[in-house]
Every structure is written in structure tokens, then in C-alpha cells.
Amino acid sequence: MSWDDIKNSDGLEYKQYKPNKKDDWFRKTIYSSKDIYKFRITQKYRCFGYRDMDKFFILRFEIDHKKSDKG
């Protein structure tokens, strides 16, 4: 898949992670200046990371949706 395919995929729900400050996992980390994105791996799992050119760097996985649903 190309990055355009990934962005347009309804199944992956690839989108920017935009939480409030209280719920931001990456605030006060070395990644706070990065644009963090999230996408669906399965119904249960979400993946968080950032893109640098054509590479996606995974920072975190989530299984309970407590953070991904807030951003």
C-alpha cells in the first residue's frame, strides 16, 4: 500500500493523534514536537507513531482505547 492508500483506507483509520494536554502520551517526551499518528491494527489494537519520509516509526501500541478514543 502507498501512503495515499493508507490515508484513504476506512479500515485502518489512519489519522493524526490530537489529544488534549492531559491525555497526551507523548507530551514531555522527545516526541512532543513530532506529528503523531494512529491507526487500527485490529479491532482491539491501535498503533501510535510518526512518519519520517516513507518510514513509520512505531512508538506505542494500545489495547484498551482509553487514549486513542480521546485523540
Protein backbone atom coordinates (compact mmCIF):
# COMPACT_ATOMS: atom_id res chain seq x y z
CA MET A 1 0.00 0.00 0.00
CA SER A 2 1.12 3.54 -0.67
CA TRP A 3 0.81 6.27 1.97
CA ASP A 4 -2.12 7.69 0.00
CA ASP A 5 -3.84 4.27 0.13
CA ILE A 6 -3.22 4.08 3.87
CA LYS A 7 -4.59 7.60 4.48
CA ASN A 8 -7.71 6.83 2.44
CA SER A 9 -8.38 3.40 3.96
CA ASP A 10 -11.53 3.31 6.08
CA GLY A 11 -10.36 0.07 7.68
CA LEU A 12 -7.11 1.44 9.07
CA GLU A 13 -8.50 4.79 10.24
CA TYR A 14 -5.05 6.37 9.89
CA LYS A 15 -5.26 9.86 11.36
CA GLN A 16 -3.39 12.38 13.42
CA TYR A 17 -3.44 11.91 17.18
CA LYS A 18 -4.74 15.18 18.66
CA PRO A 19 -5.49 14.71 22.36
CA ASN A 20 -5.91 17.37 24.99
CA LYS A 21 -2.77 18.03 27.07
CA LYS A 22 -3.96 15.88 29.97
CA ASP A 23 -4.37 12.77 27.80
CA ASP A 24 -1.33 13.24 25.57
CA TRP A 25 1.01 10.24 25.97
CA PHE A 26 3.80 11.99 24.13
CA ARG A 27 3.76 15.36 25.88
CA LYS A 28 7.00 15.99 27.75
CA THR A 29 8.83 13.33 25.72
CA ILE A 30 11.39 13.60 22.95
CA TYR A 31 8.48 13.04 20.53
CA SER A 32 6.41 16.05 21.62
CA SER A 33 7.48 18.05 18.56
CA LYS A 34 6.50 15.26 16.14
CA ASP A 35 3.15 14.90 14.42
CA ILE A 36 1.90 11.66 15.97
CA TYR A 37 -0.47 9.45 14.01
CA LYS A 38 -2.55 6.46 14.99
CA PHE A 39 -4.13 3.62 13.09
CA ARG A 40 -6.09 0.46 13.66
CA ILE A 41 -4.18 -2.81 13.61
CA THR A 42 -7.13 -4.99 14.65
CA GLN A 43 -10.45 -4.26 16.32
CA LYS A 44 -8.61 -4.41 19.64
CA TYR A 45 -5.19 -2.90 18.88
CA ARG A 46 -4.18 0.65 17.95
CA CYS A 47 -0.71 1.74 16.92
CA PHE A 48 0.84 5.18 17.53
CA GLY A 49 3.89 6.61 15.84
CA TYR A 50 5.25 9.20 13.47
CA ARG A 51 6.34 9.33 9.86
CA ASP A 52 9.71 10.41 8.56
CA MET A 53 9.56 10.47 4.77
CA ASP A 54 8.36 6.98 3.77
CA LYS A 55 9.05 5.28 7.10
CA PHE A 56 6.66 4.98 10.03
CA PHE A 57 8.27 4.77 13.46
CA ILE A 58 6.14 2.91 15.99
CA LEU A 59 6.10 4.45 19.45
CA ARG A 60 3.31 2.64 21.23
CA PHE A 61 0.54 0.05 21.00
CA GLU A 62 -2.76 0.33 22.82
CA ILE A 63 -5.33 -2.36 23.56
CA ASP A 64 -7.97 -0.60 25.66
CA HIS A 65 -8.68 2.51 23.51
CA LYS A 66 -8.51 4.80 26.55
CA LYS A 67 -6.11 7.18 24.79
CA SER A 68 -6.91 6.62 21.13
CA ASP A 69 -10.57 7.46 21.65
CA LYS A 70 -9.54 10.83 23.13
CA GLY A 71 -7.35 11.95 20.30
